[in-house]
PDB file of all heavy atoms in Angstrom:
ATOM      1  N   LEU A   1      -4.309  71.839 -19.913  1.00  0.00           N
ATOM      2  CA  LEU A   1      -5.029  71.515 -18.689  1.00  0.00           C
ATOM      3  C   LEU A   1      -6.307  72.309 -18.503  1.00  0.00           C
ATOM      4  O   LEU A   1      -6.858  72.347 -17.408  1.00  0.00           O
ATOM      5  CB  LEU A   1      -4.109  71.652 -17.491  1.00  0.00           C
ATOM      6  CG  LEU A   1      -2.865  70.791 -17.514  1.00  0.00           C
ATOM      7  CD1 LEU A   1      -2.036  71.049 -16.241  1.00  0.00           C
ATOM      8  CD2 LEU A   1      -3.183  69.307 -17.619  1.00  0.00           C
ATOM      9  N   ASP A   2      -6.773  72.966 -19.536  1.00  0.00           N
ATOM     10  CA  ASP A   2      -8.016  73.784 -19.456  1.00  0.00           C
ATOM     11  C   ASP A   2      -9.178  72.952 -19.940  1.00  0.00           C
ATOM     12  O   ASP A   2      -9.377  72.752 -21.123  1.00  0.00           O
ATOM     13  CB  ASP A   2      -7.866  75.059 -20.258  1.00  0.00           C
ATOM     14  CG  ASP A   2      -8.967  76.053 -19.971  1.00  0.00           C
ATOM     15  OD1 ASP A   2     -10.012  75.662 -19.440  1.00  0.00           O
ATOM     16  OD2 ASP A   2      -8.788  77.243 -20.280  1.00  0.00           O
ATOM     17  N   ASP A   3      -9.981  72.426 -18.993  1.00  0.00           N
ATOM     18  CA  ASP A   3     -11.099  71.565 -19.375  1.00  0.00           C
ATOM     19  C   ASP A   3     -12.332  72.316 -19.842  1.00  0.00           C
ATOM     20  O   ASP A   3     -13.388  71.749 -20.140  1.00  0.00           O
ATOM     21  CB  ASP A   3     -11.474  70.642 -18.229  1.00  0.00           C
ATOM     22  CG  ASP A   3     -12.003  71.387 -17.003  1.00  0.00           C
ATOM     23  OD1 ASP A   3     -11.788  72.605 -16.900  1.00  0.00           O
ATOM     24  OD2 ASP A   3     -12.618  70.747 -16.124  1.00  0.00           O
ATOM     25  N   ARG A   4     -12.193  73.642 -19.991  1.00  0.00           N
ATOM     26  CA  ARG A   4     -13.348  74.460 -20.466  1.00  0.00           C
ATOM     27  C   ARG A   4     -13.302  74.695 -21.959  1.00  0.00           C
ATOM     28  O   ARG A   4     -14.283  75.211 -22.539  1.00  0.00           O
ATOM     29  CB  ARG A   4     -13.339  75.815 -19.751  1.00  0.00           C
ATOM     30  CG  ARG A   4     -13.447  75.721 -18.225  1.00  0.00           C
ATOM     31  CD  ARG A   4     -13.034  77.045 -17.581  1.00  0.00           C
ATOM     32  NE  ARG A   4     -11.642  77.404 -17.918  1.00  0.00           N
ATOM     33  CZ  ARG A   4     -11.045  78.506 -17.486  1.00  0.00           C
ATOM     34  NH1 ARG A   4     -11.705  79.354 -16.714  1.00  0.00           N
ATOM     35  NH2 ARG A   4      -9.811  78.747 -17.821  1.00  0.00           N
ATOM     36  N   VAL A   5     -12.200  74.319 -22.613  1.00  0.00           N
ATOM     37  CA  VAL A   5     -12.047  74.640 -24.056  1.00  0.00           C
ATOM     38  C   VAL A   5     -11.728  73.370 -24.825  1.00  0.00           C
ATOM     39  O   VAL A   5     -11.312  72.304 -24.272  1.00  0.00           O
ATOM     40  CB  VAL A   5     -10.921  75.649 -24.240  1.00  0.00           C
ATOM     41  CG1 VAL A   5     -11.237  76.933 -23.462  1.00  0.00           C
ATOM     42  CG2 VAL A   5      -9.539  75.081 -23.812  1.00  0.00           C
ATOM     43  N   SER A   6     -11.928  73.467 -26.138  1.00  0.00           N
ATOM     44  CA  SER A   6     -11.642  72.317 -27.029  1.00  0.00           C
ATOM     45  C   SER A   6     -10.877  72.861 -28.256  1.00  0.00           C
ATOM     46  O   SER A   6     -11.264  72.632 -29.403  1.00  0.00           O
ATOM     47  CB  SER A   6     -12.903  71.598 -27.455  1.00  0.00           C
ATOM     48  OG  SER A   6     -13.784  72.514 -28.130  1.00  0.00           O
ATOM     49  N   TYR A   7      -9.788  73.579 -28.000  1.00  0.00           N
ATOM     50  CA  TYR A   7      -8.965  74.102 -29.097  1.00  0.00           C
ATOM     51  C   TYR A   7      -7.547  74.305 -28.538  1.00  0.00           C
ATOM     52  O   TYR A   7      -7.282  74.202 -27.358  1.00  0.00           O
ATOM     53  CB  TYR A   7      -9.509  75.464 -29.587  1.00  0.00           C
ATOM     54  CG  TYR A   7      -9.568  76.545 -28.514  1.00  0.00           C
ATOM     55  CD1 TYR A   7      -8.386  77.257 -28.195  1.00  0.00           C
ATOM     56  CD2 TYR A   7     -10.735  76.810 -27.847  1.00  0.00           C
ATOM     57  CE1 TYR A   7      -8.466  78.234 -27.201  1.00  0.00           C
ATOM     58  CE2 TYR A   7     -10.772  77.774 -26.838  1.00  0.00           C
ATOM     59  CZ  TYR A   7      -9.647  78.480 -26.541  1.00  0.00           C
ATOM     60  OH  TYR A   7      -9.677  79.447 -25.570  1.00  0.00           O
ATOM     61  N   GLY A   8      -6.608  74.567 -29.453  1.00  0.00           N
ATOM     62  CA  GLY A   8      -5.274  74.991 -29.099  1.00  0.00           C
ATOM     63  C   GLY A   8      -4.322  73.898 -28.688  1.00  0.00           C
ATOM     64  O   GLY A   8      -3.258  74.184 -28.147  1.00  0.00           O
ATOM     65  N   VAL A   9      -4.683  72.633 -28.940  1.00  0.00           N
ATOM     66  CA  VAL A   9      -3.788  71.547 -28.555  1.00  0.00           C
ATOM     67  C   VAL A   9      -3.625  70.570 -29.740  1.00  0.00           C
ATOM     68  O   VAL A   9      -4.415  70.569 -30.674  1.00  0.00           O
ATOM     69  CB  VAL A   9      -4.314  70.750 -27.357  1.00  0.00           C
ATOM     70  CG1 VAL A   9      -4.314  71.646 -26.085  1.00  0.00           C
ATOM     71  CG2 VAL A   9      -5.682  70.200 -27.608  1.00  0.00           C
ATOM     72  N   ALA A  10      -2.590  69.783 -29.693  1.00  0.00           N
ATOM     73  CA  ALA A  10      -2.315  68.808 -30.732  1.00  0.00           C
ATOM     74  C   ALA A  10      -1.503  67.672 -30.129  1.00  0.00           C
ATOM     75  O   ALA A  10      -1.067  67.728 -28.991  1.00  0.00           O
ATOM     76  CB  ALA A  10      -1.527  69.427 -31.883  1.00  0.00           C
ATOM     77  N   MET A  11      -1.352  66.587 -30.904  1.00  0.00           N
ATOM     78  CA  MET A  11      -0.472  65.460 -30.508  1.00  0.00           C
ATOM     79  C   MET A  11       0.714  65.426 -31.478  1.00  0.00           C
ATOM     80  O   MET A  11       0.783  66.225 -32.437  1.00  0.00           O
ATOM     81  CB  MET A  11      -1.233  64.172 -30.498  1.00  0.00           C
ATOM     82  CG  MET A  11      -2.376  64.126 -29.464  1.00  0.00           C
ATOM     83  SD  MET A  11      -1.769  64.315 -27.714  1.00  0.00           S
ATOM     84  CE  MET A  11      -1.002  62.638 -27.490  1.00  0.00           C
ATOM     85  N   ASN A  12       1.584  64.537 -31.249  1.00  0.00           N
ATOM     86  CA  ASN A  12       2.786  64.411 -32.047  1.00  0.00           C
ATOM     87  C   ASN A  12       2.457  63.971 -33.488  1.00  0.00           C
ATOM     88  O   ASN A  12       1.600  63.090 -33.689  1.00  0.00           O
ATOM     89  CB  ASN A  12       3.746  63.459 -31.384  1.00  0.00           C
ATOM     90  CG  ASN A  12       3.044  62.209 -30.870  1.00  0.00           C
ATOM     91  OD1 ASN A  12       2.278  62.282 -29.910  1.00  0.00           O
ATOM     92  ND2 ASN A  12       3.279  61.037 -31.484  1.00  0.00           N
ATOM     93  N   ARG A  13       3.192  64.511 -34.460  1.00  0.00           N
ATOM     94  CA  ARG A  13       2.950  64.143 -35.846  1.00  0.00           C
ATOM     95  C   ARG A  13       3.561  62.819 -36.243  1.00  0.00           C
ATOM     96  O   ARG A  13       3.296  62.305 -37.341  1.00  0.00           O
ATOM     97  CB  ARG A  13       3.585  65.254 -36.766  1.00  0.00           C
ATOM     98  CG  ARG A  13       2.802  66.546 -36.753  1.00  0.00           C
ATOM     99  CD  ARG A  13       3.129  67.401 -37.975  1.00  0.00           C
ATOM    100  NE  ARG A  13       2.366  68.622 -37.866  1.00  0.00           N
ATOM    101  CZ  ARG A  13       2.891  69.836 -37.795  1.00  0.00           C
ATOM    102  NH1 ARG A  13       4.159  69.980 -37.728  1.00  0.00           N
ATOM    103  NH2 ARG A  13       2.116  70.928 -37.709  1.00  0.00           N
ATOM    104  N   SER A  14       4.331  62.248 -35.387  1.00  0.00           N
ATOM    105  CA  SER A  14       4.968  60.961 -35.649  1.00  0.00           C
ATOM    106  C   SER A  14       5.314  60.337 -34.294  1.00  0.00           C
ATOM    107  O   SER A  14       5.462  61.014 -33.310  1.00  0.00           O
ATOM    108  CB  SER A  14       6.220  61.161 -36.492  1.00  0.00           C
ATOM    109  OG  SER A  14       6.996  59.953 -36.512  1.00  0.00           O
ATOM    110  N   LEU A  15       5.448  59.000 -34.295  1.00  0.00           N
ATOM    111  CA  LEU A  15       5.887  58.336 -33.071  1.00  0.00           C
ATOM    112  C   LEU A  15       7.410  58.231 -33.016  1.00  0.00           C
ATOM    113  O   LEU A  15       7.964  57.794 -32.000  1.00  0.00           O
ATOM    114  CB  LEU A  15       5.287  56.913 -33.002  1.00  0.00           C
ATOM    115  CG  LEU A  15       3.782  56.895 -32.680  1.00  0.00           C
ATOM    116  CD1 LEU A  15       3.270  55.432 -32.710  1.00  0.00           C
ATOM    117  CD2 LEU A  15       3.518  57.485 -31.292  1.00  0.00           C
ATOM    118  N   SER A  16       8.101  58.613 -34.076  1.00  0.00           N
ATOM    119  CA  SER A  16       9.555  58.464 -34.105  1.00  0.00           C
ATOM    120  C   SER A  16      10.287  59.686 -34.669  1.00  0.00           C
ATOM    121  O   SER A  16      11.510  59.761 -34.533  1.00  0.00           O
ATOM    122  CB  SER A  16       9.962  57.249 -34.932  1.00  0.00           C
ATOM    123  OG  SER A  16       9.488  57.313 -36.249  1.00  0.00           O
ATOM    124  N   ALA A  17       9.562  60.640 -35.287  1.00  0.00           N
ATOM    125  CA  ALA A  17      10.278  61.745 -35.941  1.00  0.00           C
ATOM    126  C   ALA A  17       9.437  63.038 -35.774  1.00  0.00           C
ATOM    127  O   ALA A  17       9.474  63.887 -36.653  1.00  0.00           O
ATOM    128  CB  ALA A  17      10.541  61.471 -37.366  1.00  0.00           C
ATOM    129  N   ALA A  18       8.707  63.219 -34.708  1.00  0.00           N
ATOM    130  CA  ALA A  18       7.859  64.398 -34.527  1.00  0.00           C
ATOM    131  C   ALA A  18       8.700  65.623 -34.155  1.00  0.00           C
ATOM    132  O   ALA A  18       9.584  65.534 -33.311  1.00  0.00           O
ATOM    133  CB  ALA A  18       6.820  64.130 -33.452  1.00  0.00           C
ATOM    134  N   THR A  19       8.422  66.743 -34.778  1.00  0.00           N
ATOM    135  CA  THR A  19       9.102  68.003 -34.525  1.00  0.00           C
ATOM    136  C   THR A  19       8.110  69.123 -34.257  1.00  0.00           C
ATOM    137  O   THR A  19       8.457  70.313 -34.376  1.00  0.00           O
ATOM    138  CB  THR A  19      10.046  68.403 -35.641  1.00  0.00           C
ATOM    139  OG1 THR A  19       9.312  68.522 -36.884  1.00  0.00           O
ATOM    140  CG2 THR A  19      11.149  67.341 -35.848  1.00  0.00           C
ATOM    141  N   ASN A  20       6.851  68.801 -33.895  1.00  0.00           N
ATOM    142  CA  ASN A  20       5.829  69.789 -33.653  1.00  0.00           C
ATOM    143  C   ASN A  20       5.591  70.002 -32.153  1.00  0.00           C
ATOM    144  O   ASN A  20       4.498  70.452 -31.825  1.00  0.00           O
ATOM    145  CB  ASN A  20       4.536  69.444 -34.400  1.00  0.00           C
ATOM    146  CG  ASN A  20       3.893  68.176 -33.819  1.00  0.00           C
ATOM    147  OD1 ASN A  20       4.604  67.229 -33.492  1.00  0.00           O
ATOM    148  ND2 ASN A  20       2.557  68.152 -33.769  1.00  0.00           N
ATOM    149  N   GLY A  21       6.517  69.642 -31.338  1.00  0.00           N
ATOM    150  CA  GLY A  21       6.361  69.848 -29.897  1.00  0.00           C
ATOM    151  C   GLY A  21       6.612  71.289 -29.483  1.00  0.00           C
ATOM    152  O   GLY A  21       6.884  72.185 -30.323  1.00  0.00           O
ATOM    153  N   GLY A  22       6.567  71.529 -28.184  1.00  0.00           N
ATOM    154  CA  GLY A  22       6.844  72.902 -27.691  1.00  0.00           C
ATOM    155  C   GLY A  22       8.319  73.252 -27.862  1.00  0.00           C
ATOM    156  O   GLY A  22       9.195  72.408 -27.676  1.00  0.00           O
ATOM    157  N   PRO A  23       8.587  74.512 -28.235  1.00  0.00           N
ATOM    158  CA  PRO A  23      10.018  74.916 -28.413  1.00  0.00           C
ATOM    159  C   PRO A  23      10.750  74.944 -27.143  1.00  0.00           C
ATOM    160  O   PRO A  23      10.215  75.060 -26.034  1.00  0.00           O
ATOM    161  CB  PRO A  23       9.878  76.341 -28.995  1.00  0.00           C
ATOM    162  CG  PRO A  23       8.522  76.819 -28.577  1.00  0.00           C
ATOM    163  CD  PRO A  23       7.637  75.601 -28.491  1.00  0.00           C
ATOM    164  N   ASP A  24      12.066  74.776 -27.235  1.00  0.00           N
ATOM    165  CA  ASP A  24      12.986  74.780 -26.073  1.00  0.00           C
ATOM    166  C   ASP A  24      13.653  76.155 -25.921  1.00  0.00           C
ATOM    167  O   ASP A  24      13.806  76.905 -26.918  1.00  0.00           O
ATOM    168  CB  ASP A  24      14.060  73.721 -26.213  1.00  0.00           C
ATOM    169  CG  ASP A  24      13.461  72.320 -26.334  1.00  0.00           C
ATOM    170  OD1 ASP A  24      12.244  72.158 -26.028  1.00  0.00           O
ATOM    171  OD2 ASP A  24      14.188  71.369 -26.741  1.00  0.00           O
ATOM    172  N   TYR A  25      14.102  76.440 -24.672  1.00  0.00           N
ATOM    173  CA  TYR A  25      14.643  77.775 -24.420  1.00  0.00           C
ATOM    174  C   TYR A  25      15.894  77.601 -23.526  1.00  0.00           C
ATOM    175  O   TYR A  25      15.985  76.727 -22.724  1.00  0.00           O
ATOM    176  CB  TYR A  25      13.630  78.665 -23.715  1.00  0.00           C
ATOM    177  CG  TYR A  25      12.379  78.896 -24.487  1.00  0.00           C
ATOM    178  CD1 TYR A  25      11.250  78.128 -24.242  1.00  0.00           C
ATOM    179  CD2 TYR A  25      12.329  79.873 -25.466  1.00  0.00           C
ATOM    180  CE1 TYR A  25      10.082  78.316 -24.991  1.00  0.00           C
ATOM    181  CE2 TYR A  25      11.155  80.116 -26.192  1.00  0.00           C
ATOM    182  CZ  TYR A  25      10.039  79.326 -25.929  1.00  0.00           C
ATOM    183  OH  TYR A  25       8.892  79.542 -26.676  1.00  0.00           O
ATOM    184  N   PHE A  26      16.840  78.561 -23.748  1.00  0.00           N
ATOM    185  CA  PHE A  26      17.963  78.727 -22.813  1.00  0.00           C
ATOM    186  C   PHE A  26      17.818  80.054 -22.122  1.00  0.00           C
ATOM    187  O   PHE A  26      17.329  81.025 -22.661  1.00  0.00           O
ATOM    188  CB  PHE A  26      19.303  78.669 -23.543  1.00  0.00           C
ATOM    189  CG  PHE A  26      19.641  77.246 -23.982  1.00  0.00           C
ATOM    190  CD1 PHE A  26      19.166  76.766 -25.190  1.00  0.00           C
ATOM    191  CD2 PHE A  26      20.488  76.468 -23.276  1.00  0.00           C
ATOM    192  CE1 PHE A  26      19.483  75.495 -25.603  1.00  0.00           C
ATOM    193  CE2 PHE A  26      20.841  75.209 -23.671  1.00  0.00           C
ATOM    194  CZ  PHE A  26      20.319  74.713 -24.860  1.00  0.00           C
ATOM    195  N   PHE A  27      18.326  80.108 -20.866  1.00  0.00           N
ATOM    196  CA  PHE A  27      18.322  81.333 -20.096  1.00  0.00           C
ATOM    197  C   PHE A  27      19.758  81.561 -19.689  1.00  0.00           C
ATOM    198  O   PHE A  27      20.315  80.817 -18.849  1.00  0.00           O
ATOM    199  CB  PHE A  27      17.414  81.197 -18.888  1.00  0.00           C
ATOM    200  CG  PHE A  27      15.967  81.134 -19.238  1.00  0.00           C
ATOM    201  CD1 PHE A  27      15.372  79.902 -19.569  1.00  0.00           C
ATOM    202  CD2 PHE A  27      15.164  82.266 -19.307  1.00  0.00           C
ATOM    203  CE1 PHE A  27      14.045  79.824 -19.935  1.00  0.00           C
ATOM    204  CE2 PHE A  27      13.826  82.177 -19.661  1.00  0.00           C
ATOM    205  CZ  PHE A  27      13.258  80.946 -19.989  1.00  0.00           C
ATOM    206  N   ARG A  28      20.385  82.565 -20.229  1.00  0.00           N
ATOM    207  CA  ARG A  28      21.758  82.937 -19.908  1.00  0.00           C
ATOM    208  C   ARG A  28      21.819  83.887 -18.750  1.00  0.00           C
ATOM    209  O   ARG A  28      21.180  84.942 -18.767  1.00  0.00           O
ATOM    210  CB  ARG A  28      22.466  83.536 -21.130  1.00  0.00           C
ATOM    211  CG  ARG A  28      23.958  83.702 -20.938  1.00  0.00           C
ATOM    212  CD  ARG A  28      24.640  84.302 -22.199  1.00  0.00           C
ATOM    213  NE  ARG A  28      24.248  85.694 -22.374  1.00  0.00           N
ATOM    214  CZ  ARG A  28      24.839  86.717 -21.731  1.00  0.00           C
ATOM    215  NH1 ARG A  28      25.849  86.471 -20.881  1.00  0.00           N
ATOM    216  NH2 ARG A  28      24.452  87.956 -21.963  1.00  0.00           N
ATOM    217  N   TRP A  29      22.551  83.490 -17.709  1.00  0.00           N
ATOM    218  CA  TRP A  29      22.687  84.316 -16.513  1.00  0.00           C
ATOM    219  C   TRP A  29      23.360  85.658 -16.837  1.00  0.00           C
ATOM    220  O   TRP A  29      24.426  85.675 -17.436  1.00  0.00           O
ATOM    221  CB  TRP A  29      23.462  83.560 -15.463  1.00  0.00           C
ATOM    222  CG  TRP A  29      23.418  84.103 -14.047  1.00  0.00           C
ATOM    223  CD1 TRP A  29      22.572  83.722 -13.057  1.00  0.00           C
ATOM    224  CD2 TRP A  29      24.305  85.089 -13.474  1.00  0.00           C
ATOM    225  NE1 TRP A  29      22.847  84.405 -11.915  1.00  0.00           N
ATOM    226  CE2 TRP A  29      23.893  85.271 -12.145  1.00  0.00           C
ATOM    227  CE3 TRP A  29      25.338  85.845 -13.975  1.00  0.00           C
ATOM    228  CZ2 TRP A  29      24.501  86.157 -11.279  1.00  0.00           C
ATOM    229  CZ3 TRP A  29      25.982  86.743 -13.102  1.00  0.00           C
ATOM    230  CH2 TRP A  29      25.536  86.899 -11.790  1.00  0.00           C
ATOM    231  N   THR A  30      22.726  86.751 -16.405  1.00  0.00           N
ATOM    232  CA  THR A  30      23.315  88.058 -16.725  1.00  0.00           C
ATOM    233  C   THR A  30      23.598  88.860 -15.451  1.00  0.00           C
ATOM    234  O   THR A  30      24.203  89.942 -15.536  1.00  0.00           O
ATOM    235  CB  THR A  30      22.405  88.893 -17.642  1.00  0.00           C
ATOM    236  OG1 THR A  30      21.144  89.058 -17.020  1.00  0.00           O
ATOM    237  CG2 THR A  30      22.251  88.189 -18.990  1.00  0.00           C
ATOM    238  N   GLY A  31      23.140  88.391 -14.295  1.00  0.00           N
ATOM    239  CA  GLY A  31      23.418  89.145 -13.079  1.00  0.00           C
ATOM    240  C   GLY A  31      22.424  88.798 -11.965  1.00  0.00           C
ATOM    241  O   GLY A  31      21.493  88.038 -12.148  1.00  0.00           O
ATOM    242  N   ALA A  32      22.701  89.354 -10.805  1.00  0.00           N
ATOM    243  CA  ALA A  32      21.827  89.152  -9.645  1.00  0.00           C
ATOM    244  C   ALA A  32      21.956  90.349  -8.762  1.00  0.00           C
ATOM    245  O   ALA A  32      22.973  91.046  -8.714  1.00  0.00           O
ATOM    246  CB  ALA A  32      22.211  87.890  -8.881  1.00  0.00           C
ATOM    247  N   ASP A  33      20.853  90.648  -8.055  1.00  0.00           N
ATOM    248  CA  ASP A  33      20.847  91.737  -7.079  1.00  0.00           C
ATOM    249  C   ASP A  33      19.843  91.369  -5.986  1.00  0.00           C
ATOM    250  O   ASP A  33      19.469  90.177  -5.842  1.00  0.00           O
ATOM    251  CB  ASP A  33      20.475  93.067  -7.726  1.00  0.00           C
ATOM    252  CG  ASP A  33      19.124  93.000  -8.527  1.00  0.00           C
ATOM    253  OD1 ASP A  33      18.254  92.179  -8.124  1.00  0.00           O
ATOM    254  OD2 ASP A  33      19.010  93.689  -9.517  1.00  0.00           O
ATOM    255  N   GLY A  34      19.497  92.338  -5.143  1.00  0.00           N
ATOM    256  CA  GLY A  34      18.595  92.059  -4.056  1.00  0.00           C
ATOM    257  C   GLY A  34      17.244  91.564  -4.469  1.00  0.00           C
ATOM    258  O   GLY A  34      16.517  90.958  -3.645  1.00  0.00           O
ATOM    259  N   ASN A  35      16.896  91.780  -5.736  1.00  0.00           N
ATOM    260  CA  ASN A  35      15.576  91.368  -6.234  1.00  0.00           C
ATOM    261  C   ASN A  35      15.587  89.957  -6.843  1.00  0.00           C
ATOM    262  O   ASN A  35      14.580  89.457  -7.264  1.00  0.00           O
ATOM    263  CB  ASN A  35      15.017  92.349  -7.226  1.00  0.00           C
ATOM    264  CG  ASN A  35      14.777  93.698  -6.627  1.00  0.00           C
ATOM    265  OD1 ASN A  35      14.284  93.801  -5.503  1.00  0.00           O
ATOM    266  ND2 ASN A  35      15.125  94.798  -7.332  1.00  0.00           N
ATOM    267  N   GLY A  36      16.796  89.361  -6.966  1.00  0.00           N
ATOM    268  CA  GLY A  36      16.875  88.036  -7.545  1.00  0.00           C
ATOM    269  C   GLY A  36      17.855  87.942  -8.656  1.00  0.00           C
ATOM    270  O   GLY A  36      18.737  88.817  -8.829  1.00  0.00           O
ATOM    271  N   ALA A  37      17.692  86.895  -9.501  1.00  0.00           N
ATOM    272  CA  ALA A  37      18.635  86.636 -10.611  1.00  0.00           C
ATOM    273  C   ALA A  37      18.054  87.173 -11.898  1.00  0.00           C
ATOM    274  O   ALA A  37      16.812  87.280 -12.054  1.00  0.00           O
ATOM    275  CB  ALA A  37      18.884  85.162 -10.772  1.00  0.00           C
ATOM    276  N   ARG A  38      18.907  87.590 -12.835  1.00  0.00           N
ATOM    277  CA  ARG A  38      18.502  88.096 -14.131  1.00  0.00           C
ATOM    278  C   ARG A  38      18.997  87.195 -15.217  1.00  0.00           C
ATOM    279  O   ARG A  38      20.186  86.799 -15.161  1.00  0.00           O
ATOM    280  CB  ARG A  38      18.977  89.539 -14.350  1.00  0.00           C
ATOM    281  CG  ARG A  38      18.462  90.545 -13.330  1.00  0.00           C
ATOM    282  CD  ARG A  38      18.845  91.972 -13.746  1.00  0.00           C
ATOM    283  NE  ARG A  38      20.307  92.136 -13.912  1.00  0.00           N
ATOM    284  CZ  ARG A  38      21.131  92.400 -12.909  1.00  0.00           C
ATOM    285  NH1 ARG A  38      20.641  92.524 -11.690  1.00  0.00           N
ATOM    286  NH2 ARG A  38      22.414  92.533 -13.125  1.00  0.00           N
ATOM    287  N   TYR A  39      18.158  86.873 -16.180  1.00  0.00           N
ATOM    288  CA  TYR A  39      18.527  85.973 -17.237  1.00  0.00           C
ATOM    289  C   TYR A  39      18.099  86.563 -18.582  1.00  0.00           C
ATOM    290  O   TYR A  39      17.070  87.235 -18.678  1.00  0.00           O
ATOM    291  CB  TYR A  39      17.875  84.593 -17.082  1.00  0.00           C
ATOM    292  CG  TYR A  39      18.358  83.785 -15.936  1.00  0.00           C
ATOM    293  CD1 TYR A  39      17.787  83.914 -14.659  1.00  0.00           C
ATOM    294  CD2 TYR A  39      19.429  82.912 -16.087  1.00  0.00           C
ATOM    295  CE1 TYR A  39      18.245  83.185 -13.598  1.00  0.00           C
ATOM    296  CE2 TYR A  39      19.891  82.190 -15.027  1.00  0.00           C
ATOM    297  CZ  TYR A  39      19.315  82.302 -13.779  1.00  0.00           C
ATOM    298  OH  TYR A  39      19.776  81.598 -12.723  1.00  0.00           O
ATOM    299  N   GLN A  40      18.861  86.261 -19.612  1.00  0.00           N
ATOM    300  CA  GLN A  40      18.497  86.590 -20.986  1.00  0.00           C
ATOM    301  C   GLN A  40      17.886  85.357 -21.611  1.00  0.00           C
ATOM    302  O   GLN A  40      18.488  84.284 -21.698  1.00  0.00           O
ATOM    303  CB  GLN A  40      19.732  87.014 -21.795  1.00  0.00           C
ATOM    304  CG  GLN A  40      19.420  87.308 -23.255  1.00  0.00           C
ATOM    305  CD  GLN A  40      20.664  87.486 -24.095  1.00  0.00           C
ATOM    306  OE1 GLN A  40      21.808  87.229 -23.608  1.00  0.00           O
ATOM    307  NE2 GLN A  40      20.512  87.933 -25.311  1.00  0.00           N
ATOM    308  N   LEU A  41      16.611  85.478 -22.064  1.00  0.00           N
ATOM    309  CA  LEU A  41      15.927  84.369 -22.692  1.00  0.00           C
ATOM    310  C   LEU A  41      16.432  84.249 -24.137  1.00  0.00           C
ATOM    311  O   LEU A  41      16.440  85.198 -24.916  1.00  0.00           O
ATOM    312  CB  LEU A  41      14.422  84.594 -22.697  1.00  0.00           C
ATOM    313  CG  LEU A  41      13.536  83.423 -23.218  1.00  0.00           C
ATOM    314  CD1 LEU A  41      12.165  83.511 -22.563  1.00  0.00           C
ATOM    315  CD2 LEU A  41      13.329  83.464 -24.715  1.00  0.00           C
ATOM    316  N   LEU A  42      16.833  83.023 -24.528  1.00  0.00           N
ATOM    317  CA  LEU A  42      17.344  82.724 -25.834  1.00  0.00           C
ATOM    318  C   LEU A  42      16.423  81.674 -26.467  1.00  0.00           C
ATOM    319  O   LEU A  42      16.264  80.548 -25.960  1.00  0.00           O
ATOM    320  CB  LEU A  42      18.771  82.218 -25.808  1.00  0.00           C
ATOM    321  CG  LEU A  42      19.780  83.131 -25.087  1.00  0.00           C
ATOM    322  CD1 LEU A  42      21.128  82.442 -24.962  1.00  0.00           C
ATOM    323  CD2 LEU A  42      19.926  84.469 -25.796  1.00  0.00           C
ATOM    324  N   ASP A  43      15.810  81.969 -27.610  1.00  0.00           N
ATOM    325  CA  ASP A  43      14.873  81.054 -28.251  1.00  0.00           C
ATOM    326  C   ASP A  43      15.387  80.531 -29.584  1.00  0.00           C
ATOM    327  O   ASP A  43      14.621  79.895 -30.338  1.00  0.00           O
ATOM    328  CB  ASP A  43      13.493  81.703 -28.436  1.00  0.00           C
ATOM    329  CG  ASP A  43      13.518  82.967 -29.285  1.00  0.00           C
ATOM    330  OD1 ASP A  43      14.631  83.328 -29.775  1.00  0.00           O
ATOM    331  OD2 ASP A  43      12.450  83.539 -29.454  1.00  0.00           O
ATOM    332  N   ASN A  44      16.628  80.811 -29.929  1.00  0.00           N
ATOM    333  CA  ASN A  44      17.131  80.398 -31.230  1.00  0.00           C
ATOM    334  C   ASN A  44      18.460  79.675 -31.170  1.00  0.00           C
ATOM    335  O   ASN A  44      19.237  79.634 -32.141  1.00  0.00           O
ATOM    336  CB  ASN A  44      17.293  81.644 -32.120  1.00  0.00           C
ATOM    337  CG  ASN A  44      18.261  82.677 -31.507  1.00  0.00           C
ATOM    338  OD1 ASN A  44      18.704  82.530 -30.413  1.00  0.00           O
ATOM    339  ND2 ASN A  44      18.548  83.720 -32.264  1.00  0.00           N
ATOM    340  N   VAL A  45      18.746  79.073 -30.004  1.00  0.00           N
ATOM    341  CA  VAL A  45      20.040  78.335 -29.858  1.00  0.00           C
ATOM    342  C   VAL A  45      20.014  77.021 -30.648  1.00  0.00           C
ATOM    343  O   VAL A  45      21.000  76.676 -31.280  1.00  0.00           O
ATOM    344  CB  VAL A  45      20.282  78.050 -28.333  1.00  0.00           C
ATOM    345  CG1 VAL A  45      21.507  77.174 -28.212  1.00  0.00           C
ATOM    346  CG2 VAL A  45      20.495  79.360 -27.589  1.00  0.00           C
TER     347      VAL A  45
END
């Protein structure tokens, strides 16, 4: 959404088998306190 640049973006490599999209993440709940919730970011699930 940065209309000042013309780099850093791509489209899908296929209409039916593309795997070059943004990676997915899980956040495992590890606790909460007065400042909010704490999560462990997992990028290899």
